[in-house]
PDB file of N, CA and C in Angstrom:
ATOM      1  N   MET A   1     194.683  39.422 110.678  1.00  0.00           N
ATOM      2  CA  MET A   1     193.590  40.694 110.840  1.00  0.00           C
ATOM      3  C   MET A   1     192.798  41.012 109.386  1.00  0.00           C
ATOM      4  N   LYS A   2     191.880  40.928 109.436  1.00  0.00           N
ATOM      5  CA  LYS A   2     191.278  41.415 108.151  1.00  0.00           C
ATOM      6  C   LYS A   2     191.546  42.925 108.254  1.00  0.00           C
ATOM      7  N   LYS A   3     191.198  43.413 106.869  1.00  0.00           N
ATOM      8  CA  LYS A   3     191.070  44.717 106.612  1.00  0.00           C
ATOM      9  C   LYS A   3     189.944  45.019 105.352  1.00  0.00           C
ATOM     10  N   ARG A   4     189.535  45.920 105.898  1.00  0.00           N
ATOM     11  CA  ARG A   4     188.426  46.490 104.705  1.00  0.00           C
ATOM     12  C   ARG A   4     188.720  47.126 103.221  1.00  0.00           C
ATOM     13  N   VAL A   5     188.717  46.763 102.094  1.00  0.00           N
ATOM     14  CA  VAL A   5     189.589  47.157 101.018  1.00  0.00           C
ATOM     15  C   VAL A   5     188.189  47.730  99.943  1.00  0.00           C
ATOM     16  N   SER A   6     188.437  48.785  99.024  1.00  0.00           N
ATOM     17  CA  SER A   6     187.594  48.917  97.935  1.00  0.00           C
ATOM     18  C   SER A   6     188.381  48.999  96.192  1.00  0.00           C
ATOM     19  N   ILE A   7     187.956  47.932  95.788  1.00  0.00           N
ATOM     20  CA  ILE A   7     187.946  47.346  94.654  1.00  0.00           C
ATOM     21  C   ILE A   7     187.284  47.325  93.455  1.00  0.00           C
ATOM     22  N   LEU A   8     187.621  47.526  92.166  1.00  0.00           N
ATOM     23  CA  LEU A   8     186.935  47.271  91.064  1.00  0.00           C
ATOM     24  C   LEU A   8     186.912  46.422  90.315  1.00  0.00           C
ATOM     25  N   ILE A   9     185.844  45.089  90.330  1.00  0.00           N
ATOM     26  CA  ILE A   9     186.161  44.516  89.580  1.00  0.00           C
ATOM     27  C   ILE A   9     184.934  43.980  88.517  1.00  0.00           C
ATOM     28  N   GLU A  10     185.133  43.761  87.577  1.00  0.00           N
ATOM     29  CA  GLU A  10     184.386  43.434  86.202  1.00  0.00           C
ATOM     30  C   GLU A  10     182.979  42.258  87.089  1.00  0.00           C
ATOM     31  N   GLU A  11     181.462  43.173  86.849  1.00  0.00           N
ATOM     32  CA  GLU A  11     180.411  42.487  86.956  1.00  0.00           C
ATOM     33  C   GLU A  11     180.245  41.149  86.987  1.00  0.00           C
ATOM     34  N   GLU A  12     180.490  40.631  85.758  1.00  0.00           N
ATOM     35  CA  GLU A  12     180.261  39.031  85.299  1.00  0.00           C
ATOM     36  C   GLU A  12     181.266  38.281  86.020  1.00  0.00           C
ATOM     37  N   VAL A  13     182.398  38.467  86.660  1.00  0.00           N
ATOM     38  CA  VAL A  13     183.333  37.862  87.734  1.00  0.00           C
ATOM     39  C   VAL A  13     183.184  37.882  89.210  1.00  0.00           C
ATOM     40  N   ILE A  14     182.251  39.269  89.320  1.00  0.00           N
ATOM     41  CA  ILE A  14     181.710  39.005  90.675  1.00  0.00           C
ATOM     42  C   ILE A  14     180.062  38.562  91.215  1.00  0.00           C
ATOM     43  N   ARG A  15     179.448  38.501  90.201  1.00  0.00           N
ATOM     44  CA  ARG A  15     178.922  37.497  89.719  1.00  0.00           C
ATOM     45  C   ARG A  15     178.809  36.500  90.123  1.00  0.00           C
ATOM     46  N   HIS A  16     180.017  35.781  89.444  1.00  0.00           N
ATOM     47  CA  HIS A  16     180.247  34.477  89.504  1.00  0.00           C
ATOM     48  C   HIS A  16     180.715  34.274  90.929  1.00  0.00           C
ATOM     49  N   ALA A  17     181.616  35.164  91.329  1.00  0.00           N
ATOM     50  CA  ALA A  17     182.215  34.843  92.816  1.00  0.00           C
ATOM     51  C   ALA A  17     181.167  34.875  93.963  1.00  0.00           C
ATOM     52  N   LYS A  18     179.981  35.661  93.699  1.00  0.00           N
ATOM     53  CA  LYS A  18     178.409  35.770  94.560  1.00  0.00           C
ATOM     54  C   LYS A  18     178.200  34.554  94.497  1.00  0.00           C
ATOM     55  N   GLN A  19     177.647  33.909  93.163  1.00  0.00           N
ATOM     56  CA  GLN A  19     177.194  32.365  93.457  1.00  0.00           C
ATOM     57  C   GLN A  19     178.198  31.482  93.966  1.00  0.00           C
ATOM     58  N   ARG A  20     179.146  31.178  93.209  1.00  0.00           N
ATOM     59  CA  ARG A  20     180.037  30.058  94.230  1.00  0.00           C
ATOM     60  C   ARG A  20     180.071  30.590  95.623  1.00  0.00           C
ATOM     61  N   ALA A  21     180.058  31.707  96.431  1.00  0.00           N
ATOM     62  CA  ALA A  21     180.109  32.054  97.854  1.00  0.00           C
ATOM     63  C   ALA A  21     178.794  31.291  97.784  1.00  0.00           C
ATOM     64  N   PHE A  22     177.461  31.727  97.232  1.00  0.00           N
ATOM     65  CA  PHE A  22     176.548  31.301  97.737  1.00  0.00           C
ATOM     66  C   PHE A  22     176.388  29.799  98.143  1.00  0.00           C
ATOM     67  N   GLU A  23     176.562  29.327  97.152  1.00  0.00           N
ATOM     68  CA  GLU A  23     176.636  27.455  96.976  1.00  0.00           C
ATOM     69  C   GLU A  23     177.434  26.886  97.834  1.00  0.00           C
ATOM     70  N   GLU A  24     178.607  27.597  98.514  1.00  0.00           N
ATOM     71  CA  GLU A  24     179.461  27.657  99.429  1.00  0.00           C
ATOM     72  C   GLU A  24     179.477  27.545 100.969  1.00  0.00           C
ATOM     73  N   GLY A  25     178.335  28.672 100.994  1.00  0.00           N
ATOM     74  CA  GLY A  25     177.502  28.850 102.297  1.00  0.00           C
ATOM     75  C   GLY A  25     178.919  29.539 102.734  1.00  0.00           C
ATOM     76  N   ARG A  26     179.060  30.449 102.415  1.00  0.00           N
ATOM     77  CA  ARG A  26     180.998  31.083 102.792  1.00  0.00           C
ATOM     78  C   ARG A  26     180.657  32.278 101.964  1.00  0.00           C
ATOM     79  N   PRO A  27     181.282  33.525 103.429  1.00  0.00           N
ATOM     80  CA  PRO A  27     181.087  34.677 102.533  1.00  0.00           C
ATOM     81  C   PRO A  27     182.227  35.276 101.293  1.00  0.00           C
ATOM     82  N   LEU A  28     181.308  36.161 100.687  1.00  0.00           N
ATOM     83  CA  LEU A  28     181.892  36.329  99.351  1.00  0.00           C
ATOM     84  C   LEU A  28     183.334  36.824  99.977  1.00  0.00           C
ATOM     85  N   SER A  29     183.974  37.408 100.938  1.00  0.00           N
ATOM     86  CA  SER A  29     185.452  37.776 101.297  1.00  0.00           C
ATOM     87  C   SER A  29     186.243  36.729 101.281  1.00  0.00           C
ATOM     88  N   ASP A  30     185.821  35.524 101.844  1.00  0.00           N
ATOM     89  CA  ASP A  30     186.500  34.384 101.769  1.00  0.00           C
ATOM     90  C   ASP A  30     186.796  33.753 100.451  1.00  0.00           C
ATOM     91  N   VAL A  31     185.500  33.954  99.685  1.00  0.00           N
ATOM     92  CA  VAL A  31     185.789  33.624  98.451  1.00  0.00           C
ATOM     93  C   VAL A  31     187.046  33.968  97.136  1.00  0.00           C
ATOM     94  N   ILE A  32     186.990  35.471  97.775  1.00  0.00           N
ATOM     95  CA  ILE A  32     187.742  35.802  97.040  1.00  0.00           C
ATOM     96  C   ILE A  32     189.245  35.854  97.521  1.00  0.00           C
ATOM     97  N   GLN A  33     189.393  35.883  99.104  1.00  0.00           N
ATOM     98  CA  GLN A  33     190.825  35.249  99.618  1.00  0.00           C
ATOM     99  C   GLN A  33     191.117  34.434  99.217  1.00  0.00           C
ATOM    100  N   GLY A  34     190.124  33.236  98.832  1.00  0.00           N
ATOM    101  CA  GLY A  34     190.978  31.751  99.245  1.00  0.00           C
ATOM    102  C   GLY A  34     191.149  31.537  97.310  1.00  0.00           C
ATOM    103  N   ALA A  35     191.028  32.825  96.802  1.00  0.00           N
ATOM    104  CA  ALA A  35     191.574  32.743  94.814  1.00  0.00           C
ATOM    105  C   ALA A  35     192.544  33.360  94.824  1.00  0.00           C
ATOM    106  N   LEU A  36     192.856  34.547  95.617  1.00  0.00           N
ATOM    107  CA  LEU A  36     193.905  35.352  95.656  1.00  0.00           C
ATOM    108  C   LEU A  36     195.426  34.764  96.679  1.00  0.00           C
ATOM    109  N   VAL A  37     195.010  34.150  97.581  1.00  0.00           N
ATOM    110  CA  VAL A  37     196.311  33.018  98.388  1.00  0.00           C
ATOM    111  C   VAL A  37     196.883  32.554  97.332  1.00  0.00           C
ATOM    112  N   PRO A  38     196.253  31.329  97.177  1.00  0.00           N
ATOM    113  CA  PRO A  38     197.287  30.912  95.930  1.00  0.00           C
ATOM    114  C   PRO A  38     198.026  31.478  94.682  1.00  0.00           C
ATOM    115  N   PHE A  39     197.112  32.527  94.226  1.00  0.00           N
ATOM    116  CA  PHE A  39     197.607  33.464  93.161  1.00  0.00           C
ATOM    117  C   PHE A  39     198.995  34.411  93.550  1.00  0.00           C
ATOM    118  N   LEU A  40     199.112  34.225  94.465  1.00  0.00           N
ATOM    119  CA  LEU A  40     200.071  35.273  95.385  1.00  0.00           C
ATOM    120  C   LEU A  40     201.417  34.418  96.062  1.00  0.00           C
ATOM    121  N   SER A  41     201.032  33.289  95.981  1.00  0.00           N
ATOM    122  CA  SER A  41     201.935  32.429  96.678  1.00  0.00           C
ATOM    123  C   SER A  41     203.271  32.038  95.288  1.00  0.00           C
ATOM    124  N   SER A  42     204.195  31.438  95.830  1.00  0.00           N
ATOM    125  CA  SER A  42     204.996  30.838  95.152  1.00  0.00           C
ATOM    126  C   SER A  42     205.022  29.972  94.135  1.00  0.00           C
ATOM    127  N   GLU A  43     204.070  29.393  93.848  1.00  0.00           N
ATOM    128  CA  GLU A  43     203.564  28.193  93.277  1.00  0.00           C
ATOM    129  C   GLU A  43     202.758  28.671  92.562  1.00  0.00           C
ATOM    130  N   VAL A  44     203.008  30.365  91.526  1.00  0.00           N
ATOM    131  CA  VAL A  44     201.729  30.757  90.964  1.00  0.00           C
ATOM    132  C   VAL A  44     202.319  30.279  89.383  1.00  0.00           C
ATOM    133  N   PRO A  45     201.249  29.880  88.905  1.00  0.00           N
ATOM    134  CA  PRO A  45     201.431  29.013  87.453  1.00  0.00           C
ATOM    135  C   PRO A  45     201.817  30.609  86.400  1.00  0.00           C
ATOM    136  N   ASP A  46     202.579  29.864  85.444  1.00  0.00           N
ATOM    137  CA  ASP A  46     203.427  31.073  84.775  1.00  0.00           C
ATOM    138  C   ASP A  46     202.277  31.950  83.604  1.00  0.00           C
ATOM    139  N   LEU A  47     202.281  33.228  83.504  1.00  0.00           N
ATOM    140  CA  LEU A  47     201.211  33.997  83.202  1.00  0.00           C
ATOM    141  C   LEU A  47     200.625  33.083  81.858  1.00  0.00           C
ATOM    142  N   ARG A  48     200.894  32.936  81.072  1.00  0.00           N
ATOM    143  CA  ARG A  48     199.879  32.305  79.690  1.00  0.00           C
ATOM    144  C   ARG A  48     199.321  31.449  80.502  1.00  0.00           C
ATOM    145  N   LYS A  49     199.300  30.445  81.045  1.00  0.00           N
ATOM    146  CA  LYS A  49     198.471  29.847  81.656  1.00  0.00           C
ATOM    147  C   LYS A  49     197.215  30.252  82.538  1.00  0.00           C
ATOM    148  N   ARG A  50     197.837  31.556  83.418  1.00  0.00           N
ATOM    149  CA  ARG A  50     196.957  31.973  84.162  1.00  0.00           C
ATOM    150  C   ARG A  50     195.670  32.801  83.133  1.00  0.00           C
ATOM    151  N   GLU A  51     196.588  33.612  82.007  1.00  0.00           N
ATOM    152  CA  GLU A  51     195.346  34.350  81.075  1.00  0.00           C
ATOM    153  C   GLU A  51     194.923  33.672  80.647  1.00  0.00           C
ATOM    154  N   LYS A  52     195.237  32.155  79.963  1.00  0.00           N
ATOM    155  CA  LYS A  52     194.038  31.416  79.509  1.00  0.00           C
ATOM    156  C   LYS A  52     192.937  30.600  80.318  1.00  0.00           C
ATOM    157  N   ALA A  53     193.590  30.539  81.521  1.00  0.00           N
ATOM    158  CA  ALA A  53     192.416  30.342  82.666  1.00  0.00           C
ATOM    159  C   ALA A  53     191.613  31.720  82.780  1.00  0.00           C
ATOM    160  N   TYR A  54     192.047  32.543  82.560  1.00  0.00           N
ATOM    161  CA  TYR A  54     191.249  33.951  83.087  1.00  0.00           C
ATOM    162  C   TYR A  54     190.265  33.951  81.976  1.00  0.00           C
ATOM    163  N   GLN A  55     190.925  33.835  80.597  1.00  0.00           N
ATOM    164  CA  GLN A  55     189.683  33.871  79.519  1.00  0.00           C
ATOM    165  C   GLN A  55     188.604  32.773  79.627  1.00  0.00           C
ATOM    166  N   PHE A  56     188.984  31.652  80.037  1.00  0.00           N
ATOM    167  CA  PHE A  56     188.239  30.589  79.955  1.00  0.00           C
ATOM    168  C   PHE A  56     187.144  30.830  80.896  1.00  0.00           C
ATOM    169  N   PHE A  57     187.581  30.891  82.033  1.00  0.00           N
ATOM    170  CA  PHE A  57     186.776  31.036  83.313  1.00  0.00           C
ATOM    171  C   PHE A  57     185.994  32.387  83.230  1.00  0.00           C
ATOM    172  N   CYS A  58     186.475  33.762  82.696  1.00  0.00           N
ATOM    173  CA  CYS A  58     185.843  34.642  82.716  1.00  0.00           C
ATOM    174  C   CYS A  58     185.448  35.607  81.759  1.00  0.00           C
ATOM    175  N   GLY A  59     185.871  34.866  80.645  1.00  0.00           N
ATOM    176  CA  GLY A  59     185.465  35.272  79.144  1.00  0.00           C
ATOM    177  C   GLY A  59     184.242  34.853  78.642  1.00  0.00           C
ATOM    178  N   GLN A  60     183.714  34.244  79.190  1.00  0.00           N
ATOM    179  CA  GLN A  60     182.630  33.501  78.851  1.00  0.00           C
ATOM    180  C   GLN A  60     181.861  32.485  79.775  1.00  0.00           C
ATOM    181  N   PRO A  61     180.398  32.241  79.554  1.00  0.00           N
ATOM    182  CA  PRO A  61     179.774  31.693  81.060  1.00  0.00           C
ATOM    183  C   PRO A  61     180.611  30.287  81.256  1.00  0.00           C
ATOM    184  N   ILE A  62     180.518  29.559  82.559  1.00  0.00           N
ATOM    185  CA  ILE A  62     181.712  28.833  82.616  1.00  0.00           C
ATOM    186  C   ILE A  62     180.883  27.526  82.234  1.00  0.00           C
ATOM    187  N   ARG A  63     181.862  26.794  81.283  1.00  0.00           N
ATOM    188  CA  ARG A  63     180.653  25.442  81.045  1.00  0.00           C
ATOM    189  C   ARG A  63     181.870  24.403  80.745  1.00  0.00           C
ATOM    190  N   LEU A  64     182.250  23.591  82.675  1.00  0.00           N
ATOM    191  CA  LEU A  64     183.354  22.596  82.533  1.00  0.00           C
ATOM    192  C   LEU A  64     182.265  21.521  83.065  1.00  0.00           C
ATOM    193  N   SER A  65     182.771  20.593  82.741  1.00  0.00           N
ATOM    194  CA  SER A  65     182.281  18.925  82.727  1.00  0.00           C
ATOM    195  C   SER A  65     183.208  18.688  84.738  1.00  0.00           C
ATOM    196  N   ARG A  66     182.274  18.227  85.190  1.00  0.00           N
ATOM    197  CA  ARG A  66     182.749  18.080  86.616  1.00  0.00           C
ATOM    198  C   ARG A  66     184.453  17.274  86.477  1.00  0.00           C
ATOM    199  N   LYS A  67     184.852  16.362  85.347  1.00  0.00           N
ATOM    200  CA  LYS A  67     185.572  15.785  85.111  1.00  0.00           C
ATOM    201  C   LYS A  67     186.673  16.831  84.421  1.00  0.00           C
ATOM    202  N   GLN A  68     186.375  17.434  83.647  1.00  0.00           N
ATOM    203  CA  GLN A  68     187.527  18.966  83.471  1.00  0.00           C
ATOM    204  C   GLN A  68     187.875  19.595  84.120  1.00  0.00           C
ATOM    205  N   PHE A  69     187.014  20.028  85.504  1.00  0.00           N
ATOM    206  CA  PHE A  69     187.514  20.615  86.489  1.00  0.00           C
ATOM    207  C   PHE A  69     188.227  20.210  87.722  1.00  0.00           C
ATOM    208  N   LYS A  70     188.035  18.980  87.622  1.00  0.00           N
ATOM    209  CA  LYS A  70     188.769  18.099  88.613  1.00  0.00           C
ATOM    210  C   LYS A  70     190.459  18.253  87.829  1.00  0.00           C
ATOM    211  N   GLU A  71     190.089  17.756  86.564  1.00  0.00           N
ATOM    212  CA  GLU A  71     191.638  17.907  86.233  1.00  0.00           C
ATOM    213  C   GLU A  71     192.101  19.051  85.996  1.00  0.00           C
ATOM    214  N   ILE A  72     191.531  20.327  85.646  1.00  0.00           N
ATOM    215  CA  ILE A  72     192.208  21.530  86.269  1.00  0.00           C
ATOM    216  C   ILE A  72     192.830  21.898  87.604  1.00  0.00           C
ATOM    217  N   LEU A  73     192.085  21.179  88.419  1.00  0.00           N
ATOM    218  CA  LEU A  73     192.256  21.206  90.321  1.00  0.00           C
ATOM    219  C   LEU A  73     193.579  20.773  90.267  1.00  0.00           C
ATOM    220  N   ARG A  74     193.940  19.446  89.652  1.00  0.00           N
ATOM    221  CA  ARG A  74     195.158  18.726  90.004  1.00  0.00           C
ATOM    222  C   ARG A  74     196.191  19.043  89.191  1.00  0.00           C
ATOM    223  N   GLU A  75     196.428  19.703  88.037  1.00  0.00           N
ATOM    224  CA  GLU A  75     196.721  20.424  87.161  1.00  0.00           C
ATOM    225  C   GLU A  75     197.601  21.678  87.884  1.00  0.00           C
ATOM    226  N   GLU A  76     196.313  22.278  88.606  1.00  0.00           N
ATOM    227  CA  GLU A  76     197.729  23.515  89.468  1.00  0.00           C
ATOM    228  C   GLU A  76     197.805  23.107  90.687  1.00  0.00           C
ATOM    229  N   ASN A  77     197.774  21.667  91.057  1.00  0.00           N
ATOM    230  CA  ASN A  77     198.199  21.091  92.636  1.00  0.00           C
ATOM    231  C   ASN A  77     197.074  21.863  93.318  1.00  0.00           C
ATOM    232  N   PHE A  78     195.512  22.334  93.424  1.00  0.00           N
ATOM    233  CA  PHE A  78     195.399  22.943  94.093  1.00  0.00           C
ATOM    234  C   PHE A  78     195.241  22.033  95.192  1.00  0.00           C
ATOM    235  N   LYS A  79     195.276  23.080  96.599  1.00  0.00           N
ATOM    236  CA  LYS A  79     195.269  22.700  98.239  1.00  0.00           C
ATOM    237  C   LYS A  79     194.266  23.480  98.766  1.00  0.00           C
ATOM    238  N   PRO A  80     192.931  22.779  98.797  1.00  0.00           N
ATOM    239  CA  PRO A  80     192.028  23.478  99.774  1.00  0.00           C
ATOM    240  C   PRO A  80     192.404  24.378 101.091  1.00  0.00           C
ATOM    241  N   HIS A  81     192.026  25.355 101.509  1.00  0.00           N
ATOM    242  CA  HIS A  81     192.681  25.803 102.864  1.00  0.00           C
ATOM    243  C   HIS A  81     191.587  25.551 103.798  1.00  0.00           C
TER     244      HIS A  81
END
């Protein structure tokens, strides 16, 4: 069962999330949930990796090549839902 929540998120982060939702044709809530589920799972990478990833993705406009993106997903054992 889904539940409505109110949260505060940096404008830049929400802008990127909305863009991703638009590009994938998914609701924003699905994109956010898709990011939270792996983060909250038992396979969460260590804090330093998360902080580095946050700075890389949210501290500036995303500038990743397709190869870099695939490598990051491989390293984090990304499993699509």
